[in-house]
PDB file of N, CA and C in Angstrom:
ATOM      1  N   MET A   1     -10.489  -8.209  18.474  1.00  0.00           N
ATOM      2  CA  MET A   1     -10.362  -7.980  17.055  1.00  0.00           C
ATOM      3  C   MET A   1     -10.375  -6.483  16.763  1.00  0.00           C
ATOM      4  N   GLY A   2     -11.211  -5.762  17.458  1.00  0.00           N
ATOM      5  CA  GLY A   2     -11.281  -4.314  17.244  1.00  0.00           C
ATOM      6  C   GLY A   2      -9.975  -3.624  17.554  1.00  0.00           C
ATOM      7  N   CYS A   3      -9.335  -4.020  18.642  1.00  0.00           N
ATOM      8  CA  CYS A   3      -8.038  -3.432  19.003  1.00  0.00           C
ATOM      9  C   CYS A   3      -6.988  -3.744  17.942  1.00  0.00           C
ATOM     10  N   ALA A   4      -7.027  -4.931  17.382  1.00  0.00           N
ATOM     11  CA  ALA A   4      -6.073  -5.297  16.328  1.00  0.00           C
ATOM     12  C   ALA A   4      -6.264  -4.414  15.100  1.00  0.00           C
ATOM     13  N   PHE A   5      -7.506  -4.117  14.739  1.00  0.00           N
ATOM     14  CA  PHE A   5      -7.756  -3.262  13.584  1.00  0.00           C
ATOM     15  C   PHE A   5      -7.342  -1.820  13.858  1.00  0.00           C
ATOM     16  N   VAL A   6      -7.613  -1.326  15.067  1.00  0.00           N
ATOM     17  CA  VAL A   6      -7.181   0.028  15.422  1.00  0.00           C
ATOM     18  C   VAL A   6      -5.660   0.116  15.361  1.00  0.00           C
ATOM     19  N   TYR A   7      -4.981  -0.862  15.916  1.00  0.00           N
ATOM     20  CA  TYR A   7      -3.522  -0.865  15.916  1.00  0.00           C
ATOM     21  C   TYR A   7      -2.962  -0.957  14.493  1.00  0.00           C
ATOM     22  N   ALA A   8      -3.538  -1.839  13.675  1.00  0.00           N
ATOM     23  CA  ALA A   8      -3.066  -2.000  12.298  1.00  0.00           C
ATOM     24  C   ALA A   8      -3.233  -0.699  11.509  1.00  0.00           C
ATOM     25  N   GLY A   9      -4.358  -0.043  11.687  1.00  0.00           N
ATOM     26  CA  GLY A   9      -4.573   1.230  11.011  1.00  0.00           C
ATOM     27  C   GLY A   9      -3.618   2.299  11.502  1.00  0.00           C
ATOM     28  N   TYR A  10      -3.393   2.334  12.815  1.00  0.00           N
ATOM     29  CA  TYR A  10      -2.468   3.311  13.393  1.00  0.00           C
ATOM     30  C   TYR A  10      -1.049   3.115  12.852  1.00  0.00           C
ATOM     31  N   VAL A  11      -0.602   1.877  12.781  1.00  0.00           N
ATOM     32  CA  VAL A  11       0.745   1.597  12.276  1.00  0.00           C
ATOM     33  C   VAL A  11       0.877   2.066  10.824  1.00  0.00           C
ATOM     34  N   LYS A  12      -0.140   1.833  10.025  1.00  0.00           N
ATOM     35  CA  LYS A  12      -0.098   2.266   8.628  1.00  0.00           C
ATOM     36  C   LYS A  12      -0.119   3.789   8.513  1.00  0.00           C
ATOM     37  N   LEU A  13      -0.847   4.449   9.408  1.00  0.00           N
ATOM     38  CA  LEU A  13      -0.899   5.910   9.382  1.00  0.00           C
ATOM     39  C   LEU A  13       0.401   6.539   9.874  1.00  0.00           C
ATOM     40  N   ALA A  14       1.124   5.845  10.730  1.00  0.00           N
ATOM     41  CA  ALA A  14       2.368   6.381  11.288  1.00  0.00           C
ATOM     42  C   ALA A  14       3.516   6.324  10.285  1.00  0.00           C
ATOM     43  N   GLU A  15       3.419   5.459   9.291  1.00  0.00           N
ATOM     44  CA  GLU A  15       4.460   5.318   8.281  1.00  0.00           C
ATOM     45  C   GLU A  15       4.078   6.108   7.035  1.00  0.00           C
ATOM     46  N   PRO A  16       5.048   6.411   6.186  1.00  0.00           N
ATOM     47  CA  PRO A  16       4.710   7.091   4.925  1.00  0.00           C
ATOM     48  C   PRO A  16       3.764   6.231   4.077  1.00  0.00           C
ATOM     49  N   TRP A  17       2.770   6.865   3.486  1.00  0.00           N
ATOM     50  CA  TRP A  17       1.757   6.132   2.734  1.00  0.00           C
ATOM     51  C   TRP A  17       2.351   5.420   1.527  1.00  0.00           C
ATOM     52  N   GLN A  18       3.479   5.892   1.025  1.00  0.00           N
ATOM     53  CA  GLN A  18       4.090   5.273  -0.143  1.00  0.00           C
ATOM     54  C   GLN A  18       4.514   3.827   0.133  1.00  0.00           C
ATOM     55  N   LEU A  19       4.926   3.542   1.367  1.00  0.00           N
ATOM     56  CA  LEU A  19       5.303   2.168   1.718  1.00  0.00           C
ATOM     57  C   LEU A  19       4.103   1.234   1.628  1.00  0.00           C
ATOM     58  N   PHE A  20       2.976   1.685   2.146  1.00  0.00           N
ATOM     59  CA  PHE A  20       1.770   0.869   2.095  1.00  0.00           C
ATOM     60  C   PHE A  20       1.286   0.729   0.652  1.00  0.00           C
ATOM     61  N   ALA A  21       1.386   1.804  -0.141  1.00  0.00           N
ATOM     62  CA  ALA A  21       0.988   1.736  -1.548  1.00  0.00           C
ATOM     63  C   ALA A  21       1.846   0.722  -2.299  1.00  0.00           C
ATOM     64  N   ALA A  22       3.142   0.685  -1.984  1.00  0.00           N
ATOM     65  CA  ALA A  22       4.031  -0.286  -2.632  1.00  0.00           C
ATOM     66  C   ALA A  22       3.654  -1.711  -2.236  1.00  0.00           C
ATOM     67  N   ASN A  23       3.294  -1.909  -0.977  1.00  0.00           N
ATOM     68  CA  ASN A  23       2.863  -3.241  -0.525  1.00  0.00           C
ATOM     69  C   ASN A  23       1.593  -3.681  -1.245  1.00  0.00           C
ATOM     70  N   ILE A  24       0.663  -2.767  -1.408  1.00  0.00           N
ATOM     71  CA  ILE A  24      -0.583  -3.086  -2.116  1.00  0.00           C
ATOM     72  C   ILE A  24      -0.280  -3.410  -3.576  1.00  0.00           C
ATOM     73  N   ALA A  25       0.577  -2.609  -4.191  1.00  0.00           N
ATOM     74  CA  ALA A  25       0.908  -2.806  -5.606  1.00  0.00           C
ATOM     75  C   ALA A  25       1.621  -4.132  -5.840  1.00  0.00           C
ATOM     76  N   ASP A  26       2.340  -4.632  -4.841  1.00  0.00           N
ATOM     77  CA  ASP A  26       3.047  -5.903  -4.978  1.00  0.00           C
ATOM     78  C   ASP A  26       2.110  -7.075  -5.255  1.00  0.00           C
ATOM     79  N   TYR A  27       0.875  -6.978  -4.820  1.00  0.00           N
ATOM     80  CA  TYR A  27      -0.082  -8.059  -5.060  1.00  0.00           C
ATOM     81  C   TYR A  27      -0.562  -8.093  -6.514  1.00  0.00           C
ATOM     82  N   GLU A  28      -0.354  -7.005  -7.243  1.00  0.00           N
ATOM     83  CA  GLU A  28      -0.717  -6.901  -8.656  1.00  0.00           C
ATOM     84  C   GLU A  28      -2.198  -7.227  -8.908  1.00  0.00           C
ATOM     85  N   VAL A  29      -3.054  -6.740  -8.034  1.00  0.00           N
ATOM     86  CA  VAL A  29      -4.494  -6.967  -8.171  1.00  0.00           C
ATOM     87  C   VAL A  29      -5.194  -5.683  -8.627  1.00  0.00           C
ATOM     88  N   VAL A  30      -4.648  -4.540  -8.235  1.00  0.00           N
ATOM     89  CA  VAL A  30      -5.242  -3.251  -8.596  1.00  0.00           C
ATOM     90  C   VAL A  30      -4.184  -2.405  -9.298  1.00  0.00           C
ATOM     91  N   PRO A  31      -4.616  -1.457 -10.136  1.00  0.00           N
ATOM     92  CA  PRO A  31      -3.644  -0.556 -10.768  1.00  0.00           C
ATOM     93  C   PRO A  31      -3.008   0.381  -9.737  1.00  0.00           C
ATOM     94  N   MET A  32      -1.932   1.022 -10.107  1.00  0.00           N
ATOM     95  CA  MET A  32      -1.183   1.857  -9.166  1.00  0.00           C
ATOM     96  C   MET A  32      -2.019   3.004  -8.622  1.00  0.00           C
ATOM     97  N   TRP A  33      -2.880   3.604  -9.442  1.00  0.00           N
ATOM     98  CA  TRP A  33      -3.706   4.705  -8.934  1.00  0.00           C
ATOM     99  C   TRP A  33      -4.627   4.210  -7.824  1.00  0.00           C
ATOM    100  N   ALA A  34      -5.128   2.984  -7.949  1.00  0.00           N
ATOM    101  CA  ALA A  34      -6.001   2.421  -6.919  1.00  0.00           C
ATOM    102  C   ALA A  34      -5.194   2.074  -5.675  1.00  0.00           C
ATOM    103  N   ALA A  35      -3.965   1.615  -5.854  1.00  0.00           N
ATOM    104  CA  ALA A  35      -3.096   1.311  -4.705  1.00  0.00           C
ATOM    105  C   ALA A  35      -2.812   2.586  -3.910  1.00  0.00           C
ATOM    106  N   LYS A  36      -2.593   3.690  -4.608  1.00  0.00           N
ATOM    107  CA  LYS A  36      -2.356   4.970  -3.923  1.00  0.00           C
ATOM    108  C   LYS A  36      -3.608   5.411  -3.171  1.00  0.00           C
ATOM    109  N   PHE A  37      -4.769   5.271  -3.818  1.00  0.00           N
ATOM    110  CA  PHE A  37      -6.024   5.638  -3.167  1.00  0.00           C
ATOM    111  C   PHE A  37      -6.255   4.786  -1.917  1.00  0.00           C
ATOM    112  N   LEU A  38      -6.051   3.480  -2.036  1.00  0.00           N
ATOM    113  CA  LEU A  38      -6.220   2.588  -0.889  1.00  0.00           C
ATOM    114  C   LEU A  38      -5.228   2.901   0.225  1.00  0.00           C
ATOM    115  N   ALA A  39      -4.009   3.253  -0.149  1.00  0.00           N
ATOM    116  CA  ALA A  39      -2.992   3.576   0.859  1.00  0.00           C
ATOM    117  C   ALA A  39      -3.371   4.821   1.658  1.00  0.00           C
ATOM    118  N   HIS A  40      -4.089   5.733   1.027  1.00  0.00           N
ATOM    119  CA  HIS A  40      -4.541   6.942   1.722  1.00  0.00           C
ATOM    120  C   HIS A  40      -5.778   6.703   2.576  1.00  0.00           C
ATOM    121  N   THR A  41      -6.692   5.861   2.113  1.00  0.00           N
ATOM    122  CA  THR A  41      -7.991   5.737   2.771  1.00  0.00           C
ATOM    123  C   THR A  41      -8.143   4.512   3.658  1.00  0.00           C
ATOM    124  N   PHE A  42      -7.513   3.400   3.303  1.00  0.00           N
ATOM    125  CA  PHE A  42      -7.753   2.154   4.026  1.00  0.00           C
ATOM    126  C   PHE A  42      -7.347   2.190   5.501  1.00  0.00           C
ATOM    127  N   PRO A  43      -6.221   2.819   5.871  1.00  0.00           N
ATOM    128  CA  PRO A  43      -5.897   2.865   7.306  1.00  0.00           C
ATOM    129  C   PRO A  43      -6.969   3.557   8.140  1.00  0.00           C
ATOM    130  N   TRP A  44      -7.574   4.617   7.598  1.00  0.00           N
ATOM    131  CA  TRP A  44      -8.654   5.292   8.320  1.00  0.00           C
ATOM    132  C   TRP A  44      -9.869   4.375   8.456  1.00  0.00           C
ATOM    133  N   PHE A  45     -10.154   3.608   7.410  1.00  0.00           N
ATOM    134  CA  PHE A  45     -11.254   2.643   7.450  1.00  0.00           C
ATOM    135  C   PHE A  45     -10.984   1.574   8.505  1.00  0.00           C
ATOM    136  N   GLU A  46      -9.737   1.113   8.578  1.00  0.00           N
ATOM    137  CA  GLU A  46      -9.370   0.111   9.590  1.00  0.00           C
ATOM    138  C   GLU A  46      -9.569   0.646  10.995  1.00  0.00           C
ATOM    139  N   VAL A  47      -9.133   1.873  11.232  1.00  0.00           N
ATOM    140  CA  VAL A  47      -9.295   2.474  12.560  1.00  0.00           C
ATOM    141  C   VAL A  47     -10.773   2.616  12.893  1.00  0.00           C
ATOM    142  N   LEU A  48     -11.559   3.115  11.945  1.00  0.00           N
ATOM    143  CA  LEU A  48     -13.002   3.271  12.177  1.00  0.00           C
ATOM    144  C   LEU A  48     -13.660   1.931  12.460  1.00  0.00           C
ATOM    145  N   LEU A  49     -13.337   0.934  11.671  1.00  0.00           N
ATOM    146  CA  LEU A  49     -13.920  -0.392  11.863  1.00  0.00           C
ATOM    147  C   LEU A  49     -13.524  -0.955  13.226  1.00  0.00           C
ATOM    148  N   GLY A  50     -12.270  -0.795  13.606  1.00  0.00           N
ATOM    149  CA  GLY A  50     -11.817  -1.252  14.914  1.00  0.00           C
ATOM    150  C   GLY A  50     -12.543  -0.550  16.052  1.00  0.00           C
ATOM    151  N   LEU A  51     -12.727   0.762  15.916  1.00  0.00           N
ATOM    152  CA  LEU A  51     -13.437   1.505  16.960  1.00  0.00           C
ATOM    153  C   LEU A  51     -14.900   1.081  17.057  1.00  0.00           C
ATOM    154  N   LEU A  52     -15.514   0.793  15.925  1.00  0.00           N
ATOM    155  CA  LEU A  52     -16.898   0.302  15.955  1.00  0.00           C
ATOM    156  C   LEU A  52     -16.978  -1.053  16.659  1.00  0.00           C
ATOM    157  N   LEU A  53     -16.004  -1.918  16.400  1.00  0.00           N
ATOM    158  CA  LEU A  53     -16.000  -3.231  17.059  1.00  0.00           C
ATOM    159  C   LEU A  53     -15.794  -3.091  18.562  1.00  0.00           C
ATOM    160  N   VAL A  54     -14.861  -2.231  18.960  1.00  0.00           N
ATOM    161  CA  VAL A  54     -14.570  -2.053  20.386  1.00  0.00           C
ATOM    162  C   VAL A  54     -15.759  -1.424  21.106  1.00  0.00           C
ATOM    163  N   SER A  55     -16.384  -0.430  20.474  1.00  0.00           N
ATOM    164  CA  SER A  55     -17.488   0.274  21.137  1.00  0.00           C
ATOM    165  C   SER A  55     -18.794  -0.512  21.118  1.00  0.00           C
ATOM    166  N   GLY A  56     -18.918  -1.461  20.201  1.00  0.00           N
ATOM    167  CA  GLY A  56     -20.156  -2.230  20.108  1.00  0.00           C
ATOM    168  C   GLY A  56     -21.234  -1.538  19.290  1.00  0.00           C
ATOM    169  N   ARG A  57     -20.891  -0.408  18.666  1.00  0.00           N
ATOM    170  CA  ARG A  57     -21.843   0.304  17.822  1.00  0.00           C
ATOM    171  C   ARG A  57     -21.992  -0.436  16.509  1.00  0.00           C
ATOM    172  N   TRP A  58     -23.196  -0.530  16.003  1.00  0.00           N
ATOM    173  CA  TRP A  58     -23.465  -1.200  14.732  1.00  0.00           C
ATOM    174  C   TRP A  58     -22.711  -2.523  14.662  1.00  0.00           C
ATOM    175  N   LEU A  59     -22.839  -3.313  15.705  1.00  0.00           N
ATOM    176  CA  LEU A  59     -22.035  -4.520  15.872  1.00  0.00           C
ATOM    177  C   LEU A  59     -22.260  -5.529  14.747  1.00  0.00           C
ATOM    178  N   ARG A  60     -23.495  -5.744  14.348  1.00  0.00           N
ATOM    179  CA  ARG A  60     -23.750  -6.719  13.274  1.00  0.00           C
ATOM    180  C   ARG A  60     -23.100  -6.285  11.969  1.00  0.00           C
ATOM    181  N   VAL A  61     -23.230  -5.024  11.650  1.00  0.00           N
ATOM    182  CA  VAL A  61     -22.646  -4.520  10.409  1.00  0.00           C
ATOM    183  C   VAL A  61     -21.129  -4.560  10.480  1.00  0.00           C
ATOM    184  N   SER A  62     -20.563  -4.088  11.592  1.00  0.00           N
ATOM    185  CA  SER A  62     -19.106  -4.058  11.704  1.00  0.00           C
ATOM    186  C   SER A  62     -18.521  -5.473  11.734  1.00  0.00           C
ATOM    187  N   CYS A  63     -19.218  -6.420  12.336  1.00  0.00           N
ATOM    188  CA  CYS A  63     -18.753  -7.815  12.327  1.00  0.00           C
ATOM    189  C   CYS A  63     -18.829  -8.406  10.918  1.00  0.00           C
ATOM    190  N   ALA A  64     -19.890  -8.094  10.202  1.00  0.00           N
ATOM    191  CA  ALA A  64     -20.026  -8.605   8.838  1.00  0.00           C
ATOM    192  C   ALA A  64     -18.946  -8.015   7.928  1.00  0.00           C
ATOM    193  N   VAL A  65     -18.704  -6.714   8.044  1.00  0.00           N
ATOM    194  CA  VAL A  65     -17.667  -6.070   7.237  1.00  0.00           C
ATOM    195  C   VAL A  65     -16.294  -6.626   7.586  1.00  0.00           C
ATOM    196  N   THR A  66     -16.039  -6.830   8.871  1.00  0.00           N
ATOM    197  CA  THR A  66     -14.763  -7.406   9.299  1.00  0.00           C
ATOM    198  C   THR A  66     -14.586  -8.804   8.734  1.00  0.00           C
ATOM    199  N   SER A  67     -15.612  -9.603   8.785  1.00  0.00           N
ATOM    200  CA  SER A  67     -15.532 -10.965   8.246  1.00  0.00           C
ATOM    201  C   SER A  67     -15.248 -10.953   6.750  1.00  0.00           C
ATOM    202  N   LEU A  68     -15.944 -10.101   6.009  1.00  0.00           N
ATOM    203  CA  LEU A  68     -15.705 -10.003   4.565  1.00  0.00           C
ATOM    204  C   LEU A  68     -14.301  -9.504   4.265  1.00  0.00           C
ATOM    205  N   LEU A  69     -13.835  -8.551   5.053  1.00  0.00           N
ATOM    206  CA  LEU A  69     -12.497  -8.013   4.847  1.00  0.00           C
ATOM    207  C   LEU A  69     -11.428  -9.070   5.117  1.00  0.00           C
ATOM    208  N   LEU A  70     -11.591  -9.824   6.187  1.00  0.00           N
ATOM    209  CA  LEU A  70     -10.629 -10.885   6.503  1.00  0.00           C
ATOM    210  C   LEU A  70     -10.671 -11.991   5.447  1.00  0.00           C
ATOM    211  N   LEU A  71     -11.850 -12.302   4.950  1.00  0.00           N
ATOM    212  CA  LEU A  71     -11.974 -13.287   3.874  1.00  0.00           C
ATOM    213  C   LEU A  71     -11.273 -12.792   2.613  1.00  0.00           C
ATOM    214  N   PHE A  72     -11.414 -11.521   2.317  1.00  0.00           N
ATOM    215  CA  PHE A  72     -10.732 -10.925   1.177  1.00  0.00           C
ATOM    216  C   PHE A  72      -9.213 -11.003   1.350  1.00  0.00           C
ATOM    217  N   PHE A  73      -8.718 -10.706   2.555  1.00  0.00           N
ATOM    218  CA  PHE A  73      -7.279 -10.783   2.829  1.00  0.00           C
ATOM    219  C   PHE A  73      -6.752 -12.198   2.635  1.00  0.00           C
ATOM    220  N   VAL A  74      -7.494 -13.175   3.120  1.00  0.00           N
ATOM    221  CA  VAL A  74      -7.083 -14.574   2.948  1.00  0.00           C
ATOM    222  C   VAL A  74      -7.062 -14.920   1.461  1.00  0.00           C
ATOM    223  N   GLY A  75      -8.071 -14.464   0.737  1.00  0.00           N
ATOM    224  CA  GLY A  75      -8.101 -14.702  -0.706  1.00  0.00           C
ATOM    225  C   GLY A  75      -6.902 -14.088  -1.416  1.00  0.00           C
ATOM    226  N   LEU A  76      -6.515 -12.879  -1.002  1.00  0.00           N
ATOM    227  CA  LEU A  76      -5.324 -12.255  -1.582  1.00  0.00           C
ATOM    228  C   LEU A  76      -4.059 -13.049  -1.275  1.00  0.00           C
ATOM    229  N   MET A  77      -3.954 -13.551  -0.068  1.00  0.00           N
ATOM    230  CA  MET A  77      -2.770 -14.337   0.289  1.00  0.00           C
ATOM    231  C   MET A  77      -2.717 -15.640  -0.507  1.00  0.00           C
ATOM    232  N   VAL A  78      -3.867 -16.278  -0.681  1.00  0.00           N
ATOM    233  CA  VAL A  78      -3.912 -17.509  -1.473  1.00  0.00           C
ATOM    234  C   VAL A  78      -3.556 -17.203  -2.926  1.00  0.00           C
ATOM    235  N   HIS A  79      -4.111 -16.121  -3.444  1.00  0.00           N
ATOM    236  CA  HIS A  79      -3.807 -15.711  -4.812  1.00  0.00           C
ATOM    237  C   HIS A  79      -2.302 -15.448  -4.989  1.00  0.00           C
ATOM    238  N   ALA A  80      -1.712 -14.759  -4.034  1.00  0.00           N
ATOM    239  CA  ALA A  80      -0.277 -14.467  -4.116  1.00  0.00           C
ATOM    240  C   ALA A  80       0.547 -15.744  -4.024  1.00  0.00           C
ATOM    241  N   LYS A  81       0.132 -16.659  -3.155  1.00  0.00           N
ATOM    242  CA  LYS A  81       0.865 -17.909  -2.992  1.00  0.00           C
ATOM    243  C   LYS A  81       0.769 -18.770  -4.247  1.00  0.00           C
ATOM    244  N   LEU A  82      -0.412 -18.873  -4.805  1.00  0.00           N
ATOM    245  CA  LEU A  82      -0.588 -19.677  -6.009  1.00  0.00           C
ATOM    246  C   LEU A  82       0.043 -19.029  -7.229  1.00  0.00           C
ATOM    247  N   GLY A  83       0.101 -17.697  -7.220  1.00  0.00           N
ATOM    248  CA  GLY A  83       0.686 -16.977  -8.341  1.00  0.00           C
ATOM    249  C   GLY A  83       2.201 -16.879  -8.266  1.00  0.00           C
ATOM    250  N   GLY A  84       2.786 -17.388  -7.200  1.00  0.00           N
ATOM    251  CA  GLY A  84       4.236 -17.373  -7.075  1.00  0.00           C
ATOM    252  C   GLY A  84       4.794 -16.069  -6.557  1.00  0.00           C
ATOM    253  N   LYS A  85       3.988 -15.234  -5.966  1.00  0.00           N
ATOM    254  CA  LYS A  85       4.461 -13.942  -5.441  1.00  0.00           C
ATOM    255  C   LYS A  85       5.050 -14.119  -4.072  1.00  0.00           C
TER     256      LYS A  85
END
């Protein structure tokens, strides 16, 4: 799981942040200023979280944060599906 988060963050950092901001904005859950902020900061958070999982540092905290984050992602997908997006 840690490697997947490191890779996902790396892929987002390798592309222009505007693409990721547009993807976030498509969900229509946050305003555009928040989508831009998330597009700048979230990939770094993903990489950090992935590295914590791989290294085993703060494992309970990093596992709990990962679980909450994945639950949030599933909730967003359900919201988008039910909302017709």
